[in-house]
């Protein structure tokens, strides 16, 4: 595994990917501060050809996917398939993966680990987050979205700091729990009840597969 190298995908073509794009900017900044070699694939660069090329050439120690997904695949710009079971999942062998996408840990993550991916952290059901439409032009200021995206960011932040994969996964879950507790101890509105339900959902369905003691 190459020392301290990061490949991150940041598609940007509708509101959910807009939010993931900007919240991932914070991760790119931290990776730079930590001295990582970084390949930051953005917007129309998030294609299967580009991802495959960077994986083969760079051989990153950590790969972070942002975008849509399903049981068997992860998608990039305009829903182009990037990684899929039995097609190119072998490119993730010997790497630590964090996939902020729906469902990909359900089948794809398990298949990757079986092939030889070191660790795969992701979601085995939908990754759900709520955002305030008034903040679409400034996602980092959206306090509602922060409740969801800060905990998922925490997983990568922890990995970038050299922590074990199990610790990184748990640190994200702990931040979800902190946000849940904070909402429960305040005067809960009807909107908060919906937020709470999805925070619990994301916390429950964030999983770490493979080597629990791997680190960068």
N, C-alpha and C. Protein backbone atom coordinates (compact mmCIF):
# COMPACT_ATOMS: atom_id res chain seq x y z
N UNK A 1 0.85 -1.20 0.00
CA UNK A 1 0.00 0.00 0.00
C UNK A 1 0.88 1.25 0.00
N UNK A 2 0.67 2.11 -0.98
CA UNK A 2 1.47 3.33 -1.05
C UNK A 2 1.21 4.22 0.16
N UNK A 3 2.24 4.92 0.60
CA UNK A 3 2.14 5.73 1.81
C UNK A 3 1.44 7.05 1.53
N UNK A 4 0.37 7.31 2.26
CA UNK A 4 -0.29 8.62 2.28
C UNK A 4 -0.64 9.17 0.90
N UNK A 5 -1.49 8.45 0.21
CA UNK A 5 -1.99 8.94 -1.08
C UNK A 5 -3.50 8.78 -1.11
N UNK A 6 -4.17 9.79 -1.65
CA UNK A 6 -5.64 9.85 -1.64
C UNK A 6 -6.18 10.08 -3.04
N UNK A 7 -7.16 9.25 -3.42
CA UNK A 7 -7.97 9.51 -4.61
C UNK A 7 -9.38 9.79 -4.11
N UNK A 8 -9.93 10.94 -4.50
CA UNK A 8 -11.28 11.31 -4.07
C UNK A 8 -12.10 11.73 -5.28
N UNK A 9 -13.35 11.26 -5.35
CA UNK A 9 -14.25 11.65 -6.44
C UNK A 9 -15.27 12.65 -5.92
N UNK A 10 -15.50 13.70 -6.73
CA UNK A 10 -16.46 14.74 -6.34
C UNK A 10 -17.33 15.15 -7.53
N UNK A 11 -18.28 14.28 -7.90
CA UNK A 11 -19.21 14.69 -8.96
C UNK A 11 -20.06 15.87 -8.48
N UNK A 12 -20.61 16.61 -9.43
CA UNK A 12 -21.37 17.82 -9.09
C UNK A 12 -22.37 18.06 -10.23
N UNK A 13 -23.63 17.63 -10.00
CA UNK A 13 -24.61 17.83 -11.08
C UNK A 13 -26.04 17.99 -10.58
N UNK A 14 -26.27 17.91 -9.26
CA UNK A 14 -27.58 18.20 -8.68
C UNK A 14 -27.38 18.46 -7.20
N UNK A 15 -28.46 18.73 -6.48
CA UNK A 15 -28.31 19.19 -5.09
C UNK A 15 -27.53 18.24 -4.18
N UNK A 16 -27.84 16.94 -4.14
CA UNK A 16 -27.07 16.06 -3.24
C UNK A 16 -25.57 16.05 -3.55
N UNK A 17 -25.21 15.96 -4.83
CA UNK A 17 -23.78 15.93 -5.16
C UNK A 17 -23.13 17.30 -4.95
N UNK A 18 -23.91 18.36 -5.08
CA UNK A 18 -23.43 19.71 -4.75
C UNK A 18 -22.96 19.75 -3.29
N UNK A 19 -23.81 19.20 -2.42
CA UNK A 19 -23.46 19.19 -0.99
C UNK A 19 -22.23 18.32 -0.73
N UNK A 20 -22.19 17.12 -1.30
CA UNK A 20 -21.04 16.24 -1.07
C UNK A 20 -19.76 16.85 -1.63
N UNK A 21 -19.88 17.55 -2.75
CA UNK A 21 -18.72 18.22 -3.36
C UNK A 21 -18.09 19.20 -2.38
N UNK A 22 -18.91 20.08 -1.82
CA UNK A 22 -18.36 21.13 -0.96
C UNK A 22 -17.94 20.61 0.40
N UNK A 23 -18.65 19.65 0.95
CA UNK A 23 -18.23 19.09 2.24
C UNK A 23 -16.94 18.28 2.08
N UNK A 24 -16.73 17.72 0.90
CA UNK A 24 -15.48 16.98 0.65
C UNK A 24 -14.30 17.92 0.45
N UNK A 25 -14.57 19.17 0.12
CA UNK A 25 -13.50 20.17 0.00
C UNK A 25 -12.72 20.25 1.32
N UNK A 26 -13.42 20.11 2.43
CA UNK A 26 -12.78 20.14 3.75
C UNK A 26 -11.82 18.96 3.92
N UNK A 27 -12.16 17.83 3.33
CA UNK A 27 -11.31 16.64 3.42
C UNK A 27 -10.06 16.79 2.56
N UNK A 28 -10.23 17.38 1.40
CA UNK A 28 -9.07 17.64 0.52
C UNK A 28 -8.10 18.58 1.22
N UNK A 29 -8.65 19.59 1.86
CA UNK A 29 -7.81 20.55 2.59
C UNK A 29 -7.01 19.86 3.70
N UNK A 30 -7.68 18.99 4.46
CA UNK A 30 -7.00 18.28 5.54
C UNK A 30 -5.93 17.34 4.98
N UNK A 31 -6.24 16.66 3.88
CA UNK A 31 -5.26 15.75 3.27
C UNK A 31 -4.00 16.50 2.85
N UNK A 32 -4.19 17.71 2.32
CA UNK A 32 -3.04 18.54 1.94
C UNK A 32 -2.20 18.89 3.17
N UNK A 33 -2.89 19.26 4.25
CA UNK A 33 -2.20 19.60 5.50
C UNK A 33 -1.41 18.42 6.05
N UNK A 34 -1.92 17.20 5.81
CA UNK A 34 -1.28 15.99 6.32
C UNK A 34 -0.23 15.44 5.37
N UNK A 35 0.01 16.14 4.27
CA UNK A 35 1.07 15.74 3.35
C UNK A 35 0.73 14.61 2.40
N UNK A 36 -0.54 14.39 2.14
CA UNK A 36 -0.95 13.35 1.21
C UNK A 36 -0.70 13.76 -0.23
N UNK A 37 -0.33 12.79 -1.04
CA UNK A 37 -0.41 12.96 -2.49
C UNK A 37 -1.89 12.82 -2.83
N UNK A 38 -2.44 13.78 -3.58
CA UNK A 38 -3.89 13.81 -3.79
C UNK A 38 -4.24 13.83 -5.27
N UNK A 39 -5.20 12.98 -5.63
CA UNK A 39 -5.83 13.05 -6.94
C UNK A 39 -7.30 13.38 -6.69
N UNK A 40 -7.68 14.62 -6.98
CA UNK A 40 -9.01 15.15 -6.68
C UNK A 40 -9.81 15.23 -7.98
N UNK A 41 -10.61 14.20 -8.24
CA UNK A 41 -11.40 14.17 -9.47
C UNK A 41 -12.72 14.90 -9.24
N UNK A 42 -12.94 15.96 -10.02
CA UNK A 42 -14.10 16.83 -9.82
C UNK A 42 -14.95 16.94 -11.07
N UNK A 43 -16.25 17.16 -10.84
CA UNK A 43 -17.19 17.47 -11.92
C UNK A 43 -17.10 16.45 -13.06
N UNK A 44 -16.87 16.93 -14.27
CA UNK A 44 -16.89 16.06 -15.45
C UNK A 44 -15.67 15.14 -15.54
N UNK A 45 -14.71 15.31 -14.63
CA UNK A 45 -13.56 14.40 -14.57
C UNK A 45 -13.92 13.09 -13.86
N UNK A 46 -15.09 13.05 -13.22
CA UNK A 46 -15.47 11.85 -12.46
C UNK A 46 -16.12 10.84 -13.41
N UNK A 47 -15.27 10.25 -14.25
CA UNK A 47 -15.70 9.24 -15.22
C UNK A 47 -15.02 7.91 -14.90
N UNK A 48 -15.56 6.84 -15.45
CA UNK A 48 -14.94 5.53 -15.21
C UNK A 48 -13.52 5.50 -15.76
N UNK A 49 -13.31 6.06 -16.93
CA UNK A 49 -11.98 6.06 -17.54
C UNK A 49 -10.97 6.76 -16.64
N UNK A 50 -11.34 7.93 -16.11
CA UNK A 50 -10.43 8.69 -15.24
C UNK A 50 -10.15 7.94 -13.94
N UNK A 51 -11.21 7.40 -13.34
CA UNK A 51 -11.04 6.69 -12.06
C UNK A 51 -10.16 5.46 -12.25
N UNK A 52 -10.44 4.69 -13.28
CA UNK A 52 -9.63 3.49 -13.53
C UNK A 52 -8.17 3.86 -13.77
N UNK A 53 -7.96 4.92 -14.54
CA UNK A 53 -6.60 5.36 -14.85
C UNK A 53 -5.84 5.78 -13.60
N UNK A 54 -6.50 6.55 -12.74
CA UNK A 54 -5.84 7.02 -11.51
C UNK A 54 -5.58 5.86 -10.55
N UNK A 55 -6.51 4.93 -10.48
CA UNK A 55 -6.32 3.77 -9.59
C UNK A 55 -5.11 2.94 -10.03
N UNK A 56 -4.96 2.77 -11.34
CA UNK A 56 -3.85 1.96 -11.87
C UNK A 56 -2.51 2.68 -11.74
N UNK A 57 -2.51 3.96 -12.04
CA UNK A 57 -1.25 4.72 -12.05
C UNK A 57 -0.81 5.14 -10.65
N UNK A 58 -1.74 5.66 -9.88
CA UNK A 58 -1.41 6.25 -8.58
C UNK A 58 -1.31 5.20 -7.46
N UNK A 59 -2.15 4.15 -7.59
CA UNK A 59 -2.25 3.13 -6.53
C UNK A 59 -2.43 3.78 -5.15
N UNK A 60 -3.51 4.55 -4.97
CA UNK A 60 -3.72 5.28 -3.71
C UNK A 60 -3.94 4.35 -2.53
N UNK A 61 -3.51 4.78 -1.36
CA UNK A 61 -3.75 4.00 -0.15
C UNK A 61 -5.18 4.18 0.35
N UNK A 62 -5.76 5.35 0.08
CA UNK A 62 -7.13 5.66 0.49
C UNK A 62 -7.92 6.17 -0.71
N UNK A 63 -9.11 5.60 -0.90
CA UNK A 63 -10.01 6.05 -1.97
C UNK A 63 -11.33 6.48 -1.33
N UNK A 64 -11.77 7.69 -1.63
CA UNK A 64 -13.03 8.22 -1.11
C UNK A 64 -13.96 8.49 -2.29
N UNK A 65 -15.08 7.80 -2.30
CA UNK A 65 -16.09 7.99 -3.34
C UNK A 65 -17.25 8.82 -2.78
N UNK A 66 -17.67 9.83 -3.51
CA UNK A 66 -18.87 10.60 -3.21
C UNK A 66 -19.81 10.46 -4.39
N UNK A 67 -21.10 10.31 -4.12
CA UNK A 67 -22.04 10.23 -5.23
C UNK A 67 -23.06 9.14 -5.01
N UNK A 68 -23.77 8.82 -6.07
CA UNK A 68 -24.84 7.83 -5.95
C UNK A 68 -24.29 6.41 -6.05
N UNK A 69 -25.08 5.48 -5.55
CA UNK A 69 -24.67 4.09 -5.58
C UNK A 69 -25.87 3.17 -5.48
N UNK A 70 -25.61 1.88 -5.67
CA UNK A 70 -26.61 0.86 -5.40
C UNK A 70 -25.90 -0.36 -4.84
N UNK A 71 -26.60 -1.47 -4.71
CA UNK A 71 -26.02 -2.66 -4.09
C UNK A 71 -24.70 -3.08 -4.73
N UNK A 72 -24.60 -2.91 -6.03
CA UNK A 72 -23.49 -3.49 -6.78
C UNK A 72 -22.52 -2.49 -7.39
N UNK A 73 -22.83 -1.19 -7.34
CA UNK A 73 -22.02 -0.22 -8.08
C UNK A 73 -21.94 1.13 -7.37
N UNK A 74 -20.92 1.90 -7.77
CA UNK A 74 -20.77 3.30 -7.37
C UNK A 74 -20.75 4.13 -8.64
N UNK A 75 -21.38 5.32 -8.59
CA UNK A 75 -21.53 6.15 -9.77
C UNK A 75 -20.81 7.49 -9.64
N UNK A 76 -20.54 8.10 -10.79
CA UNK A 76 -19.85 9.37 -10.82
C UNK A 76 -20.68 10.47 -11.44
N UNK A 77 -20.04 11.33 -12.23
CA UNK A 77 -20.73 12.45 -12.85
C UNK A 77 -21.86 11.97 -13.75
N UNK A 78 -23.02 12.58 -13.58
CA UNK A 78 -24.20 12.24 -14.40
C UNK A 78 -24.53 10.75 -14.35
N UNK A 79 -24.30 10.15 -13.18
CA UNK A 79 -24.63 8.74 -12.93
C UNK A 79 -23.86 7.75 -13.81
N UNK A 80 -22.65 8.11 -14.22
CA UNK A 80 -21.82 7.15 -14.95
C UNK A 80 -21.24 6.13 -13.96
N UNK A 81 -21.37 4.86 -14.29
CA UNK A 81 -20.85 3.81 -13.43
C UNK A 81 -19.32 3.91 -13.33
N UNK A 82 -18.82 3.92 -12.09
CA UNK A 82 -17.37 4.00 -11.86
C UNK A 82 -16.78 2.64 -11.50
N UNK A 83 -17.39 1.99 -10.53
CA UNK A 83 -16.92 0.69 -10.03
C UNK A 83 -18.13 -0.23 -9.91
N UNK A 84 -17.97 -1.47 -10.37
CA UNK A 84 -19.08 -2.41 -10.29
C UNK A 84 -18.57 -3.83 -10.04
N UNK A 85 -19.37 -4.61 -9.35
CA UNK A 85 -19.01 -6.00 -9.04
C UNK A 85 -18.72 -6.78 -10.31
N UNK A 86 -17.60 -7.49 -10.30
CA UNK A 86 -17.27 -8.37 -11.42
C UNK A 86 -16.80 -7.66 -12.66
N UNK A 87 -16.75 -6.33 -12.62
CA UNK A 87 -16.33 -5.57 -13.79
C UNK A 87 -14.95 -4.97 -13.56
N UNK A 88 -14.82 -4.15 -12.53
CA UNK A 88 -13.52 -3.53 -12.26
C UNK A 88 -13.25 -3.37 -10.76
N UNK A 89 -13.98 -4.14 -9.94
CA UNK A 89 -13.79 -4.03 -8.49
C UNK A 89 -12.40 -4.49 -8.04
N UNK A 90 -11.72 -5.25 -8.90
CA UNK A 90 -10.35 -5.70 -8.57
C UNK A 90 -9.39 -4.52 -8.44
N UNK A 91 -9.76 -3.37 -9.00
CA UNK A 91 -8.89 -2.19 -8.92
C UNK A 91 -8.82 -1.62 -7.50
N UNK A 92 -9.69 -2.09 -6.62
CA UNK A 92 -9.69 -1.61 -5.23
C UNK A 92 -8.93 -2.54 -4.28
N UNK A 93 -8.27 -3.55 -4.82
CA UNK A 93 -7.46 -4.46 -4.00
C UNK A 93 -6.36 -3.68 -3.30
N UNK A 94 -6.10 -4.05 -2.04
CA UNK A 94 -5.04 -3.46 -1.21
C UNK A 94 -5.25 -1.97 -0.93
N UNK A 95 -6.50 -1.55 -0.86
CA UNK A 95 -6.80 -0.14 -0.59
C UNK A 95 -7.83 -0.03 0.54
N UNK A 96 -7.81 1.09 1.23
CA UNK A 96 -8.86 1.43 2.19
C UNK A 96 -9.86 2.30 1.46
N UNK A 97 -11.13 1.94 1.55
CA UNK A 97 -12.20 2.63 0.81
C UNK A 97 -13.19 3.25 1.78
N UNK A 98 -13.60 4.49 1.49
CA UNK A 98 -14.79 5.05 2.12
C UNK A 98 -15.71 5.49 1.01
N UNK A 99 -16.92 4.92 0.98
CA UNK A 99 -17.89 5.24 -0.06
C UNK A 99 -19.10 5.93 0.56
N UNK A 100 -19.23 7.23 0.28
CA UNK A 100 -20.39 7.98 0.76
C UNK A 100 -21.43 7.92 -0.35
N UNK A 101 -22.05 6.76 -0.45
CA UNK A 101 -23.03 6.51 -1.49
C UNK A 101 -24.02 5.46 -0.97
N UNK A 102 -25.19 5.46 -1.52
CA UNK A 102 -26.22 4.54 -1.05
C UNK A 102 -25.85 3.08 -1.35
N UNK A 103 -26.08 2.23 -0.37
CA UNK A 103 -26.16 0.78 -0.56
C UNK A 103 -24.88 0.05 -0.94
N UNK A 104 -23.80 0.75 -1.29
CA UNK A 104 -22.67 0.06 -1.92
C UNK A 104 -21.99 -0.96 -1.01
N UNK A 105 -22.12 -0.80 0.31
CA UNK A 105 -21.49 -1.77 1.21
C UNK A 105 -22.27 -3.09 1.27
N UNK A 106 -23.47 -3.07 0.73
CA UNK A 106 -24.33 -4.26 0.84
C UNK A 106 -23.76 -5.44 0.07
N UNK A 107 -23.44 -5.23 -1.22
CA UNK A 107 -22.86 -6.29 -2.04
C UNK A 107 -21.47 -5.94 -2.54
N UNK A 108 -21.32 -4.72 -3.09
CA UNK A 108 -20.03 -4.32 -3.66
C UNK A 108 -18.93 -4.35 -2.61
N UNK A 109 -19.19 -3.78 -1.45
CA UNK A 109 -18.17 -3.74 -0.40
C UNK A 109 -17.73 -5.14 0.01
N UNK A 110 -18.69 -6.03 0.16
CA UNK A 110 -18.37 -7.42 0.54
C UNK A 110 -17.56 -8.11 -0.55
N UNK A 111 -17.95 -7.87 -1.81
CA UNK A 111 -17.22 -8.47 -2.93
C UNK A 111 -15.79 -7.95 -2.99
N UNK A 112 -15.64 -6.65 -2.75
CA UNK A 112 -14.30 -6.04 -2.79
C UNK A 112 -13.40 -6.65 -1.72
N UNK A 113 -13.92 -6.77 -0.52
CA UNK A 113 -13.13 -7.34 0.59
C UNK A 113 -12.75 -8.79 0.29
N UNK A 114 -13.68 -9.52 -0.30
CA UNK A 114 -13.41 -10.92 -0.67
C UNK A 114 -12.29 -11.00 -1.70
N UNK A 115 -12.24 -10.01 -2.60
CA UNK A 115 -11.19 -9.96 -3.63
C UNK A 115 -9.83 -9.54 -3.07
N UNK A 116 -9.86 -8.75 -1.99
CA UNK A 116 -8.59 -8.30 -1.42
C UNK A 116 -8.52 -6.83 -1.07
N UNK A 117 -9.65 -6.11 -1.15
CA UNK A 117 -9.68 -4.74 -0.64
C UNK A 117 -9.38 -4.80 0.86
N UNK A 118 -8.52 -3.92 1.33
CA UNK A 118 -8.10 -3.97 2.74
C UNK A 118 -9.27 -3.73 3.68
N UNK A 119 -9.94 -2.61 3.53
CA UNK A 119 -11.11 -2.26 4.35
C UNK A 119 -12.08 -1.45 3.49
N UNK A 120 -13.35 -1.64 3.73
CA UNK A 120 -14.38 -0.91 2.98
C UNK A 120 -15.38 -0.35 3.99
N UNK A 121 -15.38 0.96 4.13
CA UNK A 121 -16.35 1.64 5.00
C UNK A 121 -17.40 2.30 4.12
N UNK A 122 -18.65 2.04 4.42
CA UNK A 122 -19.71 2.62 3.60
C UNK A 122 -21.07 2.33 4.23
N UNK A 123 -22.10 2.33 3.41
CA UNK A 123 -23.47 2.19 3.89
C UNK A 123 -24.14 0.99 3.22
N UNK A 124 -24.73 0.11 4.04
CA UNK A 124 -25.37 -1.08 3.47
C UNK A 124 -26.85 -0.87 3.18
N UNK A 125 -27.31 0.36 3.39
CA UNK A 125 -28.64 0.80 2.95
C UNK A 125 -28.46 2.21 2.40
N UNK A 126 -29.54 2.91 2.10
CA UNK A 126 -29.42 4.27 1.58
C UNK A 126 -28.71 5.18 2.59
N UNK A 127 -27.81 6.02 2.07
CA UNK A 127 -27.25 7.10 2.89
C UNK A 127 -28.16 8.30 2.68
N UNK A 128 -28.82 8.73 3.74
CA UNK A 128 -29.82 9.79 3.65
C UNK A 128 -29.32 11.03 4.37
N UNK A 129 -29.45 12.19 3.71
CA UNK A 129 -29.23 13.43 4.45
C UNK A 129 -30.25 14.47 4.02
N UNK A 130 -30.59 15.32 4.96
CA UNK A 130 -31.57 16.38 4.72
C UNK A 130 -30.84 17.71 4.64
N UNK A 131 -31.25 18.54 3.70
CA UNK A 131 -30.63 19.86 3.58
C UNK A 131 -31.71 20.93 3.50
N UNK A 132 -31.30 22.14 3.79
CA UNK A 132 -32.19 23.30 3.75
C UNK A 132 -32.06 23.95 2.38
N UNK A 133 -33.14 23.99 1.63
CA UNK A 133 -33.10 24.49 0.25
C UNK A 133 -32.58 25.92 0.18
N UNK A 134 -32.69 26.66 1.27
CA UNK A 134 -32.21 28.05 1.28
C UNK A 134 -30.68 28.13 1.29
N UNK A 135 -30.03 26.99 1.51
CA UNK A 135 -28.56 26.99 1.61
C UNK A 135 -27.89 26.23 0.47
N UNK A 136 -28.64 25.94 -0.58
CA UNK A 136 -28.07 25.18 -1.70
C UNK A 136 -26.86 25.89 -2.31
N UNK A 137 -26.86 27.21 -2.28
CA UNK A 137 -25.73 27.97 -2.85
C UNK A 137 -24.57 28.11 -1.86
N UNK A 138 -24.80 27.69 -0.62
CA UNK A 138 -23.74 27.76 0.41
C UNK A 138 -23.86 26.56 1.36
N UNK A 139 -23.60 25.36 0.85
CA UNK A 139 -23.82 24.13 1.61
C UNK A 139 -23.08 24.03 2.94
N UNK A 140 -21.91 24.63 3.03
CA UNK A 140 -21.13 24.51 4.27
C UNK A 140 -21.74 25.28 5.43
N UNK A 141 -22.69 26.16 5.13
CA UNK A 141 -23.38 26.93 6.17
C UNK A 141 -24.71 26.30 6.57
N UNK A 142 -25.07 25.20 5.94
CA UNK A 142 -26.35 24.54 6.19
C UNK A 142 -26.27 23.71 7.47
N UNK A 143 -26.90 24.19 8.54
CA UNK A 143 -26.81 23.52 9.84
C UNK A 143 -27.54 22.18 9.85
N UNK A 144 -28.56 22.05 9.02
CA UNK A 144 -29.27 20.77 8.95
C UNK A 144 -28.40 19.72 8.27
N UNK A 145 -27.84 20.05 7.12
CA UNK A 145 -26.97 19.12 6.42
C UNK A 145 -25.74 18.77 7.25
N UNK A 146 -25.27 19.73 8.02
CA UNK A 146 -24.08 19.50 8.87
C UNK A 146 -24.28 18.30 9.81
N UNK A 147 -25.50 18.13 10.30
CA UNK A 147 -25.80 17.03 11.22
C UNK A 147 -25.48 15.67 10.61
N UNK A 148 -25.59 15.57 9.28
CA UNK A 148 -25.34 14.33 8.56
C UNK A 148 -23.93 14.25 7.97
N UNK A 149 -23.49 15.35 7.40
CA UNK A 149 -22.25 15.33 6.62
C UNK A 149 -21.00 15.48 7.47
N UNK A 150 -21.13 16.11 8.63
CA UNK A 150 -19.97 16.19 9.52
C UNK A 150 -19.60 14.81 10.08
N UNK A 151 -20.58 13.99 10.51
CA UNK A 151 -20.22 12.65 10.97
C UNK A 151 -19.62 11.77 9.87
N UNK A 152 -20.15 11.85 8.66
CA UNK A 152 -19.56 11.04 7.58
C UNK A 152 -18.18 11.57 7.20
N UNK A 153 -18.00 12.89 7.24
CA UNK A 153 -16.67 13.46 7.04
C UNK A 153 -15.69 12.97 8.10
N UNK A 154 -16.20 12.80 9.31
CA UNK A 154 -15.35 12.42 10.43
C UNK A 154 -14.64 11.08 10.17
N UNK A 155 -15.29 10.18 9.47
CA UNK A 155 -14.67 8.90 9.12
C UNK A 155 -13.37 9.14 8.35
N UNK A 156 -13.45 9.98 7.32
CA UNK A 156 -12.28 10.25 6.49
C UNK A 156 -11.25 11.07 7.25
N UNK A 157 -11.70 12.04 8.02
CA UNK A 157 -10.77 12.84 8.83
C UNK A 157 -9.94 11.93 9.74
N UNK A 158 -10.61 10.97 10.34
CA UNK A 158 -9.92 10.05 11.24
C UNK A 158 -8.92 9.18 10.49
N UNK A 159 -9.29 8.71 9.31
CA UNK A 159 -8.37 7.92 8.49
C UNK A 159 -7.16 8.74 8.07
N UNK A 160 -7.40 9.99 7.68
CA UNK A 160 -6.31 10.88 7.26
C UNK A 160 -5.33 11.15 8.40
N UNK A 161 -5.84 11.06 9.63
CA UNK A 161 -4.98 11.28 10.80
C UNK A 161 -4.24 10.02 11.23
N UNK A 162 -4.44 8.93 10.47
CA UNK A 162 -3.69 7.71 10.74
C UNK A 162 -4.33 6.74 11.71
N UNK A 163 -5.62 6.92 11.97
CA UNK A 163 -6.31 6.02 12.90
C UNK A 163 -6.74 4.72 12.21
N UNK A 164 -7.00 3.70 13.02
CA UNK A 164 -7.45 2.41 12.51
C UNK A 164 -8.82 2.56 11.86
N UNK A 165 -9.11 1.68 10.90
CA UNK A 165 -10.39 1.74 10.19
C UNK A 165 -11.57 1.58 11.15
N UNK A 166 -11.44 0.68 12.11
CA UNK A 166 -12.53 0.49 13.08
C UNK A 166 -12.74 1.74 13.92
N UNK A 167 -11.65 2.39 14.29
CA UNK A 167 -11.73 3.63 15.08
C UNK A 167 -12.39 4.73 14.24
N UNK A 168 -12.00 4.83 12.98
CA UNK A 168 -12.56 5.86 12.10
C UNK A 168 -14.06 5.67 11.93
N UNK A 169 -14.46 4.42 11.71
CA UNK A 169 -15.89 4.12 11.57
C UNK A 169 -16.64 4.48 12.84
N UNK A 170 -16.09 4.08 13.98
CA UNK A 170 -16.75 4.36 15.26
C UNK A 170 -16.78 5.86 15.58
N UNK A 171 -15.74 6.59 15.16
CA UNK A 171 -15.73 8.03 15.44
C UNK A 171 -16.83 8.74 14.67
N UNK A 172 -17.11 8.26 13.45
CA UNK A 172 -18.24 8.80 12.69
C UNK A 172 -19.56 8.49 13.36
N UNK A 173 -19.71 7.24 13.82
CA UNK A 173 -20.94 6.83 14.50
C UNK A 173 -21.14 7.62 15.80
N UNK A 174 -20.05 7.87 16.50
CA UNK A 174 -20.14 8.63 17.75
C UNK A 174 -20.60 10.07 17.49
N UNK A 175 -20.19 10.63 16.36
CA UNK A 175 -20.63 11.99 16.04
C UNK A 175 -22.11 11.99 15.65
N UNK A 176 -22.55 10.95 14.94
CA UNK A 176 -23.98 10.80 14.67
C UNK A 176 -24.74 10.77 16.00
N UNK A 177 -24.25 9.95 16.94
CA UNK A 177 -24.92 9.80 18.23
C UNK A 177 -24.94 11.11 19.00
N UNK A 178 -23.86 11.86 18.93
CA UNK A 178 -23.80 13.16 19.59
C UNK A 178 -24.88 14.09 19.03
N UNK A 179 -25.04 14.09 17.71
CA UNK A 179 -26.06 14.94 17.08
C UNK A 179 -27.47 14.47 17.43
N UNK A 180 -27.65 13.16 17.50
CA UNK A 180 -28.94 12.60 17.89
C UNK A 180 -29.29 13.02 19.32
N UNK A 181 -28.33 12.87 20.22
CA UNK A 181 -28.53 13.23 21.63
C UNK A 181 -28.84 14.71 21.78
N UNK A 182 -28.15 15.52 21.01
CA UNK A 182 -28.36 16.97 21.06
C UNK A 182 -29.78 17.34 20.67
N UNK A 183 -30.29 16.68 19.62
CA UNK A 183 -31.67 16.96 19.19
C UNK A 183 -32.68 16.44 20.21
N UNK A 184 -32.39 15.29 20.81
CA UNK A 184 -33.31 14.70 21.79
C UNK A 184 -33.43 15.54 23.05
N UNK A 185 -32.34 16.20 23.41
CA UNK A 185 -32.34 16.99 24.65
C UNK A 185 -32.83 18.41 24.45
N UNK A 186 -33.13 18.75 23.19
CA UNK A 186 -33.71 20.07 22.92
C UNK A 186 -35.20 19.90 22.65
N UNK A 187 -35.90 20.99 22.49
CA UNK A 187 -37.33 20.92 22.19
C UNK A 187 -37.50 20.44 20.76
N UNK A 188 -38.00 19.22 20.61
CA UNK A 188 -38.04 18.57 19.31
C UNK A 188 -39.26 19.01 18.50
N UNK A 189 -39.00 19.53 17.31
CA UNK A 189 -40.07 19.92 16.40
C UNK A 189 -40.41 18.73 15.50
N UNK A 190 -41.45 18.87 14.71
CA UNK A 190 -41.84 17.82 13.78
C UNK A 190 -40.71 17.58 12.77
N UNK A 191 -40.07 18.67 12.34
CA UNK A 191 -38.96 18.56 11.40
C UNK A 191 -37.78 17.83 12.05
N UNK A 192 -37.52 18.13 13.32
CA UNK A 192 -36.44 17.46 14.05
C UNK A 192 -36.68 15.96 14.14
N UNK A 193 -37.93 15.56 14.29
CA UNK A 193 -38.26 14.13 14.39
C UNK A 193 -37.86 13.39 13.13
N UNK A 194 -38.09 14.03 11.98
CA UNK A 194 -37.69 13.44 10.71
C UNK A 194 -36.17 13.36 10.60
N UNK A 195 -35.50 14.43 11.03
CA UNK A 195 -34.03 14.47 11.02
C UNK A 195 -33.48 13.36 11.91
N UNK A 196 -34.06 13.23 13.10
CA UNK A 196 -33.61 12.20 14.05
C UNK A 196 -33.70 10.81 13.45
N UNK A 197 -34.81 10.53 12.79
CA UNK A 197 -35.02 9.21 12.20
C UNK A 197 -33.90 8.86 11.22
N UNK A 198 -33.54 9.84 10.39
CA UNK A 198 -32.52 9.57 9.38
C UNK A 198 -31.10 9.57 9.95
N UNK A 199 -30.86 10.33 11.00
CA UNK A 199 -29.56 10.26 11.68
C UNK A 199 -29.34 8.87 12.27
N UNK A 200 -30.37 8.35 12.91
CA UNK A 200 -30.29 7.00 13.48
C UNK A 200 -30.07 5.98 12.36
N UNK A 201 -30.78 6.16 11.27
CA UNK A 201 -30.67 5.27 10.10
C UNK A 201 -29.24 5.24 9.57
N UNK A 202 -28.66 6.41 9.34
CA UNK A 202 -27.30 6.47 8.79
C UNK A 202 -26.29 5.87 9.76
N UNK A 203 -26.45 6.17 11.03
CA UNK A 203 -25.54 5.62 12.04
C UNK A 203 -25.60 4.09 12.05
N UNK A 204 -26.81 3.56 11.99
CA UNK A 204 -27.01 2.12 12.02
C UNK A 204 -26.42 1.43 10.80
N UNK A 205 -26.53 2.07 9.65
CA UNK A 205 -26.16 1.40 8.40
C UNK A 205 -24.77 1.76 7.88
N UNK A 206 -24.01 2.51 8.66
CA UNK A 206 -22.60 2.75 8.33
C UNK A 206 -21.79 1.56 8.86
N UNK A 207 -21.08 0.88 7.96
CA UNK A 207 -20.38 -0.35 8.34
C UNK A 207 -18.93 -0.31 7.90
N UNK A 208 -18.12 -1.06 8.62
CA UNK A 208 -16.70 -1.23 8.26
C UNK A 208 -16.48 -2.70 7.97
N UNK A 209 -16.15 -3.01 6.73
CA UNK A 209 -15.92 -4.39 6.29
C UNK A 209 -14.42 -4.63 6.11
N UNK A 210 -14.01 -5.88 6.29
CA UNK A 210 -12.61 -6.21 6.07
C UNK A 210 -11.77 -6.00 7.31
N UNK A 211 -10.52 -5.61 7.11
CA UNK A 211 -9.55 -5.45 8.20
C UNK A 211 -9.95 -4.27 9.09
N UNK A 212 -10.26 -4.58 10.33
CA UNK A 212 -10.68 -3.54 11.28
C UNK A 212 -9.49 -2.76 11.85
N UNK A 213 -8.30 -3.29 11.65
CA UNK A 213 -7.10 -2.68 12.25
C UNK A 213 -6.14 -2.10 11.21
N UNK A 214 -6.67 -1.85 10.01
CA UNK A 214 -5.84 -1.24 8.96
C UNK A 214 -5.74 0.26 9.19
N UNK A 215 -4.67 0.84 8.73
CA UNK A 215 -4.52 2.30 8.77
C UNK A 215 -3.57 2.73 7.68
N UNK A 216 -3.56 4.03 7.40
CA UNK A 216 -2.70 4.57 6.35
C UNK A 216 -1.34 4.90 6.95
